[in-house]
Amino acid sequence: MLRKLFVLALLFTVSLSVVIAQPRFDPKERAKELKERLKLDDKQTKQVEDIYAKQSEQMQGMFNSSGDREQMRDQMMKLREETNKKIEKILTGKQKAEYKKYQEEMQARRQQMRPGGN
């Protein structure tokens, strides 16, 4: 009985974390977040959404392929850099400065999420 309760609690926790994390990876939600943060116009927002959609497809392909985790991490970091460069190309000077701040904040969040990354 205790084991069943533990398994149920574990499944609930995993399900909840997936639901909470999901919007972060949705290209439309990510583009919306940047639109608000950087004050993008509609054309820029659509371009950012397209860039994020392509990135999402490529990352999904990486997740689906079984392989070396270290190599996959390197590929994902490279993909993130390429995505950032594509986004920077469509921004104004003021937007680029704000985007840099946004990227630094996201990097700090990623550091905190790592084990031992207070």
N, C-alpha and C. Protein backbone atom coordinates (compact mmCIF):
# COMPACT_ATOMS: atom_id res chain seq x y z
N MET A 1 0.82 -1.20 0.00
CA MET A 1 0.00 0.00 0.00
C MET A 1 0.86 1.25 0.00
N LEU A 2 1.88 1.28 0.85
CA LEU A 2 2.77 2.44 0.93
C LEU A 2 3.52 2.63 -0.38
N ARG A 3 3.91 1.52 -0.98
CA ARG A 3 4.63 1.59 -2.25
C ARG A 3 3.74 2.18 -3.35
N LYS A 4 2.47 1.78 -3.39
CA LYS A 4 1.53 2.31 -4.38
C LYS A 4 1.33 3.81 -4.19
N LEU A 5 1.24 4.22 -2.95
CA LEU A 5 1.08 5.64 -2.64
C LEU A 5 2.31 6.43 -3.07
N PHE A 6 3.49 5.87 -2.83
CA PHE A 6 4.72 6.51 -3.24
C PHE A 6 4.79 6.65 -4.76
N VAL A 7 4.46 5.59 -5.48
CA VAL A 7 4.48 5.61 -6.94
C VAL A 7 3.48 6.63 -7.47
N LEU A 8 2.30 6.68 -6.89
CA LEU A 8 1.28 7.65 -7.29
C LEU A 8 1.77 9.08 -7.06
N ALA A 9 2.38 9.33 -5.93
CA ALA A 9 2.91 10.67 -5.63
C ALA A 9 4.02 11.04 -6.59
N LEU A 10 4.87 10.07 -6.92
CA LEU A 10 5.95 10.32 -7.86
C LEU A 10 5.41 10.65 -9.25
N LEU A 11 4.44 9.89 -9.71
CA LEU A 11 3.82 10.15 -11.01
C LEU A 11 3.15 11.53 -11.04
N PHE A 12 2.48 11.88 -9.96
CA PHE A 12 1.84 13.19 -9.88
C PHE A 12 2.87 14.31 -9.98
N THR A 13 3.98 14.16 -9.25
CA THR A 13 5.03 15.17 -9.26
C THR A 13 5.64 15.32 -10.65
N VAL A 14 5.93 14.21 -11.29
CA VAL A 14 6.50 14.25 -12.64
C VAL A 14 5.51 14.90 -13.61
N SER A 15 4.25 14.50 -13.54
CA SER A 15 3.23 15.07 -14.43
C SER A 15 3.11 16.57 -14.22
N LEU A 16 3.11 17.00 -12.98
CA LEU A 16 2.99 18.42 -12.67
C LEU A 16 4.19 19.19 -13.20
N SER A 17 5.37 18.65 -13.05
CA SER A 17 6.56 19.36 -13.53
C SER A 17 6.56 19.46 -15.04
N VAL A 18 6.06 18.46 -15.74
CA VAL A 18 5.97 18.51 -17.19
C VAL A 18 4.97 19.59 -17.61
N VAL A 19 3.84 19.66 -16.96
CA VAL A 19 2.82 20.66 -17.30
C VAL A 19 3.35 22.06 -17.04
N ILE A 20 4.05 22.26 -15.93
CA ILE A 20 4.57 23.57 -15.60
C ILE A 20 5.67 23.98 -16.58
N ALA A 21 6.52 23.07 -16.97
CA ALA A 21 7.65 23.40 -17.84
C ALA A 21 7.26 23.55 -19.30
N GLN A 22 6.15 23.00 -19.70
CA GLN A 22 5.77 22.96 -21.11
C GLN A 22 5.75 24.31 -21.82
N PRO A 23 5.07 25.33 -21.30
CA PRO A 23 4.98 26.58 -22.05
C PRO A 23 6.33 27.22 -22.35
N ARG A 24 7.32 26.94 -21.54
CA ARG A 24 8.63 27.53 -21.73
C ARG A 24 9.23 27.14 -23.08
N PHE A 25 8.86 25.97 -23.58
CA PHE A 25 9.44 25.48 -24.81
C PHE A 25 8.57 25.73 -26.03
N ASP A 26 7.36 26.21 -25.82
CA ASP A 26 6.46 26.49 -26.93
C ASP A 26 6.94 27.72 -27.68
N PRO A 27 7.21 27.60 -28.99
CA PRO A 27 7.71 28.74 -29.75
C PRO A 27 6.82 29.99 -29.67
N LYS A 28 5.51 29.80 -29.68
CA LYS A 28 4.60 30.96 -29.59
C LYS A 28 4.73 31.66 -28.25
N GLU A 29 4.82 30.89 -27.17
CA GLU A 29 4.96 31.48 -25.84
C GLU A 29 6.30 32.18 -25.69
N ARG A 30 7.33 31.57 -26.21
CA ARG A 30 8.67 32.19 -26.13
C ARG A 30 8.71 33.48 -26.94
N ALA A 31 8.09 33.47 -28.12
CA ALA A 31 8.04 34.68 -28.95
C ALA A 31 7.21 35.77 -28.26
N LYS A 32 6.13 35.37 -27.63
CA LYS A 32 5.29 36.32 -26.90
C LYS A 32 6.07 36.97 -25.77
N GLU A 33 6.84 36.15 -25.06
CA GLU A 33 7.66 36.67 -23.96
C GLU A 33 8.65 37.71 -24.48
N LEU A 34 9.30 37.42 -25.60
CA LEU A 34 10.25 38.38 -26.17
C LEU A 34 9.54 39.61 -26.71
N LYS A 35 8.35 39.43 -27.28
CA LYS A 35 7.59 40.56 -27.79
C LYS A 35 7.33 41.57 -26.68
N GLU A 36 6.94 41.06 -25.53
CA GLU A 36 6.66 41.94 -24.39
C GLU A 36 7.94 42.54 -23.83
N ARG A 37 8.96 41.74 -23.72
CA ARG A 37 10.21 42.19 -23.11
C ARG A 37 10.96 43.18 -24.00
N LEU A 38 10.99 42.89 -25.31
CA LEU A 38 11.78 43.71 -26.24
C LEU A 38 10.95 44.70 -27.05
N LYS A 39 9.64 44.65 -26.84
CA LYS A 39 8.71 45.50 -27.60
C LYS A 39 8.87 45.29 -29.11
N LEU A 40 8.75 44.02 -29.49
CA LEU A 40 8.86 43.64 -30.90
C LEU A 40 7.60 44.05 -31.64
N ASP A 41 7.76 44.37 -32.93
CA ASP A 41 6.57 44.59 -33.76
C ASP A 41 6.06 43.24 -34.24
N ASP A 42 4.94 43.24 -34.94
CA ASP A 42 4.32 41.98 -35.36
C ASP A 42 5.22 41.17 -36.30
N LYS A 43 5.91 41.86 -37.21
CA LYS A 43 6.80 41.17 -38.15
C LYS A 43 7.95 40.50 -37.40
N GLN A 44 8.56 41.22 -36.47
CA GLN A 44 9.66 40.66 -35.69
C GLN A 44 9.17 39.46 -34.86
N THR A 45 7.99 39.61 -34.28
CA THR A 45 7.44 38.54 -33.45
C THR A 45 7.26 37.27 -34.28
N LYS A 46 6.73 37.40 -35.47
CA LYS A 46 6.53 36.25 -36.36
C LYS A 46 7.88 35.61 -36.72
N GLN A 47 8.88 36.46 -37.00
CA GLN A 47 10.20 35.93 -37.33
C GLN A 47 10.81 35.17 -36.15
N VAL A 48 10.68 35.73 -34.95
CA VAL A 48 11.20 35.07 -33.74
C VAL A 48 10.47 33.75 -33.53
N GLU A 49 9.16 33.76 -33.70
CA GLU A 49 8.38 32.53 -33.54
C GLU A 49 8.87 31.46 -34.52
N ASP A 50 9.12 31.84 -35.77
CA ASP A 50 9.61 30.90 -36.77
C ASP A 50 10.99 30.35 -36.40
N ILE A 51 11.86 31.23 -35.89
CA ILE A 51 13.20 30.82 -35.47
C ILE A 51 13.10 29.82 -34.32
N TYR A 52 12.25 30.13 -33.34
CA TYR A 52 12.08 29.22 -32.20
C TYR A 52 11.45 27.90 -32.63
N ALA A 53 10.52 27.94 -33.59
CA ALA A 53 9.89 26.71 -34.06
C ALA A 53 10.92 25.80 -34.72
N LYS A 54 11.79 26.39 -35.52
CA LYS A 54 12.83 25.59 -36.17
C LYS A 54 13.79 25.02 -35.13
N GLN A 55 14.17 25.83 -34.14
CA GLN A 55 15.04 25.36 -33.07
C GLN A 55 14.38 24.19 -32.32
N SER A 56 13.10 24.33 -32.04
CA SER A 56 12.37 23.31 -31.30
C SER A 56 12.37 21.98 -32.08
N GLU A 57 12.16 22.06 -33.38
CA GLU A 57 12.17 20.86 -34.22
C GLU A 57 13.54 20.18 -34.17
N GLN A 58 14.59 21.00 -34.27
CA GLN A 58 15.93 20.44 -34.27
C GLN A 58 16.27 19.82 -32.91
N MET A 59 15.87 20.47 -31.84
CA MET A 59 16.13 19.92 -30.51
C MET A 59 15.36 18.62 -30.29
N GLN A 60 14.13 18.59 -30.78
CA GLN A 60 13.34 17.36 -30.65
C GLN A 60 14.02 16.21 -31.38
N GLY A 61 14.58 16.52 -32.54
CA GLY A 61 15.32 15.50 -33.28
C GLY A 61 16.52 14.99 -32.50
N MET A 62 17.19 15.90 -31.79
CA MET A 62 18.34 15.50 -30.97
C MET A 62 17.91 14.60 -29.82
N PHE A 63 16.78 14.96 -29.18
CA PHE A 63 16.28 14.16 -28.07
C PHE A 63 15.89 12.76 -28.54
N ASN A 64 15.32 12.67 -29.73
CA ASN A 64 14.83 11.39 -30.24
C ASN A 64 15.96 10.47 -30.69
N SER A 65 17.10 11.05 -31.03
CA SER A 65 18.21 10.20 -31.45
C SER A 65 18.99 9.78 -30.22
N SER A 66 19.27 8.52 -30.16
CA SER A 66 20.06 8.06 -29.02
C SER A 66 21.52 8.27 -29.36
N GLY A 67 22.24 8.78 -28.41
CA GLY A 67 23.65 9.03 -28.67
C GLY A 67 24.35 9.52 -27.43
N ASP A 68 25.54 9.97 -27.63
CA ASP A 68 26.38 10.48 -26.55
C ASP A 68 25.77 11.75 -25.98
N ARG A 69 25.51 11.75 -24.67
CA ARG A 69 24.88 12.90 -24.02
C ARG A 69 25.78 14.14 -24.08
N GLU A 70 27.06 13.97 -23.96
CA GLU A 70 28.00 15.10 -24.01
C GLU A 70 27.97 15.74 -25.40
N GLN A 71 27.93 14.90 -26.42
CA GLN A 71 27.87 15.40 -27.79
C GLN A 71 26.54 16.12 -28.02
N MET A 72 25.45 15.55 -27.49
CA MET A 72 24.14 16.17 -27.64
C MET A 72 24.12 17.53 -26.93
N ARG A 73 24.72 17.62 -25.77
CA ARG A 73 24.78 18.89 -25.03
C ARG A 73 25.54 19.93 -25.85
N ASP A 74 26.65 19.53 -26.44
CA ASP A 74 27.43 20.45 -27.27
C ASP A 74 26.62 20.92 -28.47
N GLN A 75 25.89 20.00 -29.10
CA GLN A 75 25.06 20.36 -30.25
C GLN A 75 23.96 21.34 -29.84
N MET A 76 23.37 21.11 -28.68
CA MET A 76 22.31 21.99 -28.21
C MET A 76 22.84 23.38 -27.88
N MET A 77 24.02 23.44 -27.30
CA MET A 77 24.62 24.74 -27.01
C MET A 77 24.91 25.49 -28.31
N LYS A 78 25.40 24.78 -29.30
CA LYS A 78 25.68 25.39 -30.61
C LYS A 78 24.38 25.87 -31.24
N LEU A 79 23.34 25.06 -31.16
CA LEU A 79 22.04 25.44 -31.71
C LEU A 79 21.49 26.68 -31.01
N ARG A 80 21.65 26.75 -29.69
CA ARG A 80 21.18 27.91 -28.93
C ARG A 80 21.93 29.17 -29.38
N GLU A 81 23.24 29.05 -29.59
CA GLU A 81 24.03 30.19 -30.06
C GLU A 81 23.57 30.65 -31.45
N GLU A 82 23.34 29.69 -32.34
CA GLU A 82 22.88 30.02 -33.69
C GLU A 82 21.52 30.71 -33.64
N THR A 83 20.64 30.20 -32.78
CA THR A 83 19.31 30.80 -32.63
C THR A 83 19.44 32.23 -32.14
N ASN A 84 20.28 32.45 -31.15
CA ASN A 84 20.47 33.81 -30.62
C ASN A 84 20.99 34.76 -31.69
N LYS A 85 21.92 34.30 -32.52
CA LYS A 85 22.46 35.13 -33.60
C LYS A 85 21.37 35.48 -34.61
N LYS A 86 20.52 34.51 -34.94
CA LYS A 86 19.43 34.77 -35.89
C LYS A 86 18.46 35.81 -35.32
N ILE A 87 18.17 35.70 -34.05
CA ILE A 87 17.25 36.65 -33.41
C ILE A 87 17.88 38.03 -33.37
N GLU A 88 19.16 38.11 -33.02
CA GLU A 88 19.84 39.40 -32.96
C GLU A 88 19.82 40.13 -34.31
N LYS A 89 19.86 39.38 -35.40
CA LYS A 89 19.86 39.99 -36.74
C LYS A 89 18.58 40.78 -37.03
N ILE A 90 17.48 40.43 -36.38
CA ILE A 90 16.22 41.10 -36.68
C ILE A 90 15.88 42.19 -35.66
N LEU A 91 16.77 42.42 -34.69
CA LEU A 91 16.50 43.39 -33.64
C LEU A 91 17.16 44.74 -33.93
N THR A 92 16.57 45.78 -33.35
CA THR A 92 17.18 47.11 -33.39
C THR A 92 18.28 47.17 -32.34
N GLY A 93 19.06 48.24 -32.34
CA GLY A 93 20.14 48.39 -31.37
C GLY A 93 19.65 48.34 -29.93
N LYS A 94 18.58 49.05 -29.64
CA LYS A 94 18.03 49.08 -28.29
C LYS A 94 17.51 47.70 -27.89
N GLN A 95 16.86 47.02 -28.83
CA GLN A 95 16.34 45.68 -28.57
C GLN A 95 17.48 44.69 -28.32
N LYS A 96 18.59 44.86 -29.07
CA LYS A 96 19.73 43.96 -28.87
C LYS A 96 20.30 44.09 -27.46
N ALA A 97 20.38 45.31 -26.96
CA ALA A 97 20.89 45.53 -25.61
C ALA A 97 19.99 44.85 -24.58
N GLU A 98 18.68 44.99 -24.76
CA GLU A 98 17.73 44.35 -23.84
C GLU A 98 17.78 42.84 -23.98
N TYR A 99 17.98 42.34 -25.20
CA TYR A 99 18.08 40.90 -25.44
C TYR A 99 19.31 40.32 -24.75
N LYS A 100 20.41 41.07 -24.75
CA LYS A 100 21.62 40.62 -24.05
C LYS A 100 21.34 40.45 -22.56
N LYS A 101 20.63 41.42 -21.97
CA LYS A 101 20.27 41.32 -20.56
C LYS A 101 19.39 40.10 -20.33
N TYR A 102 18.44 39.87 -21.24
CA TYR A 102 17.53 38.72 -21.15
C TYR A 102 18.33 37.42 -21.18
N GLN A 103 19.29 37.34 -22.10
CA GLN A 103 20.11 36.13 -22.21
C GLN A 103 20.92 35.89 -20.94
N GLU A 104 21.45 36.95 -20.34
CA GLU A 104 22.22 36.81 -19.11
C GLU A 104 21.32 36.29 -17.98
N GLU A 105 20.09 36.78 -17.92
CA GLU A 105 19.14 36.31 -16.91
C GLU A 105 18.82 34.84 -17.12
N MET A 106 18.61 34.44 -18.36
CA MET A 106 18.31 33.04 -18.66
C MET A 106 19.50 32.14 -18.31
N GLN A 107 20.71 32.62 -18.58
CA GLN A 107 21.91 31.85 -18.23
C GLN A 107 22.00 31.67 -16.72
N ALA A 108 21.69 32.72 -15.98
CA ALA A 108 21.71 32.63 -14.52
C ALA A 108 20.67 31.62 -14.03
N ARG A 109 19.50 31.60 -14.65
CA ARG A 109 18.46 30.62 -14.28
C ARG A 109 18.93 29.20 -14.55
N ARG A 110 19.56 29.01 -15.71
CA ARG A 110 20.05 27.67 -16.05
C ARG A 110 21.10 27.22 -15.04
N GLN A 111 21.95 28.15 -14.62
CA GLN A 111 22.98 27.82 -13.63
C GLN A 111 22.35 27.39 -12.32
N GLN A 112 21.28 28.08 -11.91
CA GLN A 112 20.61 27.76 -10.66
C GLN A 112 19.92 26.40 -10.72
N MET A 113 19.47 26.01 -11.91
CA MET A 113 18.74 24.75 -12.05
C MET A 113 19.68 23.54 -12.02
N ARG A 114 20.96 23.77 -12.29
CA ARG A 114 21.92 22.67 -12.26
C ARG A 114 22.15 22.22 -10.82
N PRO A 115 22.43 20.95 -10.66
CA PRO A 115 22.74 20.47 -9.30
C PRO A 115 23.94 21.21 -8.73
N GLY A 116 23.77 21.76 -7.54
CA GLY A 116 24.85 22.49 -6.88
C GLY A 116 25.09 23.86 -7.47
N GLY A 117 24.16 24.38 -8.28
CA GLY A 117 24.37 25.65 -8.96
C GLY A 117 23.73 26.83 -8.29
N ASN A 118 23.67 26.87 -6.97
CA ASN A 118 23.06 27.96 -6.23
C ASN A 118 23.38 29.22 -6.88
